[in-house]
Protein backbone atom coordinates (compact mmCIF):
# COMPACT_ATOMS: atom_id res chain seq x y z
CA UNK A 1 142.85 35.99 -12.89
CA UNK A 2 140.22 38.47 -11.76
CA UNK A 3 136.53 37.77 -11.55
CA UNK A 4 135.53 40.46 -14.06
CA UNK A 5 133.77 42.60 -11.49
CA UNK A 6 134.94 45.80 -13.19
CA UNK A 7 132.51 45.28 -16.08
CA UNK A 8 129.68 44.44 -13.70
CA UNK A 9 130.33 47.60 -11.70
CA UNK A 10 130.33 49.73 -14.86
CA UNK A 11 127.03 48.21 -15.97
CA UNK A 12 125.52 48.82 -12.53
CA UNK A 13 126.64 52.47 -12.62
CA UNK A 14 125.02 52.91 -16.03
CA UNK A 15 121.76 51.31 -14.84
CA UNK A 16 121.71 53.49 -11.73
CA UNK A 17 122.36 56.63 -13.78
CA UNK A 18 119.43 55.79 -16.07
CA UNK A 19 117.20 55.02 -13.10
CA UNK A 20 118.15 58.33 -11.47
CA UNK A 21 116.72 60.14 -14.48
CA UNK A 22 119.78 61.50 -16.20
CA UNK A 23 123.35 61.05 -17.11
CA UNK A 24 126.32 61.21 -14.80
CA UNK A 25 126.98 64.76 -13.70
CA UNK A 26 130.32 66.38 -14.33
CA UNK A 27 132.34 67.67 -11.39
CA UNK A 28 134.25 70.19 -13.54
CA UNK A 29 132.05 73.21 -12.87
CA UNK A 30 131.99 72.57 -9.13
CA UNK A 31 135.77 72.20 -9.09
CA UNK A 32 136.17 75.43 -11.06
CA UNK A 33 134.02 77.34 -8.54
CA UNK A 34 136.07 75.91 -5.65
CA UNK A 35 139.32 77.36 -7.02
CA UNK A 36 139.27 80.32 -4.64
CA UNK A 37 142.90 80.63 -3.57
CA UNK A 38 145.03 82.58 -6.05
CA UNK A 39 148.76 83.28 -6.10
CA UNK A 40 149.35 87.03 -6.34
CA UNK A 41 152.59 86.49 -8.24
CA UNK A 42 151.59 84.14 -11.08
CA UNK A 43 147.78 84.12 -10.68
CA UNK A 44 147.69 80.30 -10.39
CA UNK A 45 144.52 79.11 -8.65
CA UNK A 46 144.14 76.42 -6.01
CA UNK A 47 141.16 74.61 -4.48
CA UNK A 48 139.74 76.21 -1.36
CA UNK A 49 140.67 73.04 0.56
CA UNK A 50 144.38 73.30 -0.29
CA UNK A 51 146.56 73.04 2.81
CA UNK A 52 149.21 75.55 3.80
CA UNK A 53 152.13 73.17 3.17
CA UNK A 54 151.09 72.78 -0.51
CA UNK A 55 150.87 76.56 -0.88
CA UNK A 56 154.25 76.96 0.83
CA UNK A 57 155.73 74.44 -1.60
CA UNK A 58 154.37 76.46 -4.54
CA UNK A 59 155.64 79.75 -3.10
CA UNK A 60 159.16 78.49 -2.43
CA UNK A 61 159.60 76.33 -5.55
CA UNK A 62 158.07 78.71 -8.09
CA UNK A 63 158.86 82.13 -6.67
CA UNK A 64 161.32 81.74 -3.75
CA UNK A 65 158.82 83.64 -1.61
CA UNK A 66 156.79 82.90 1.52
CA UNK A 67 153.13 81.92 1.75
CA UNK A 68 152.30 85.40 3.08
CA UNK A 69 153.93 87.04 0.06
CA UNK A 70 152.18 84.87 -2.56
CA UNK A 71 148.86 84.35 -0.74
CA UNK A 72 148.33 87.42 1.48
CA UNK A 73 144.65 86.62 2.19
CA UNK A 74 145.24 82.96 3.10
CA UNK A 75 144.18 81.90 6.60
CA UNK A 76 145.48 78.53 7.80
CA UNK A 77 142.77 75.93 8.50
CA UNK A 78 143.92 74.38 11.80
CA UNK A 79 142.29 71.10 12.86
């Protein structure tokens, strides 16, 4: 059996949100603004942090095309 820490954590989050002077902020608008990569074929959007292998998977599985064909402006983010 668990110690019931989940309820305590939720209560602490609520207290901290009230103390911070507002309610919890939604991440939806920030996520929507970060959707900057768009497939030229189907107009699907992806987060700006999406890696090339995920885009390649989309291009090959959905359109049988390459990353360059679906995302001509995409520049790989090498580490």
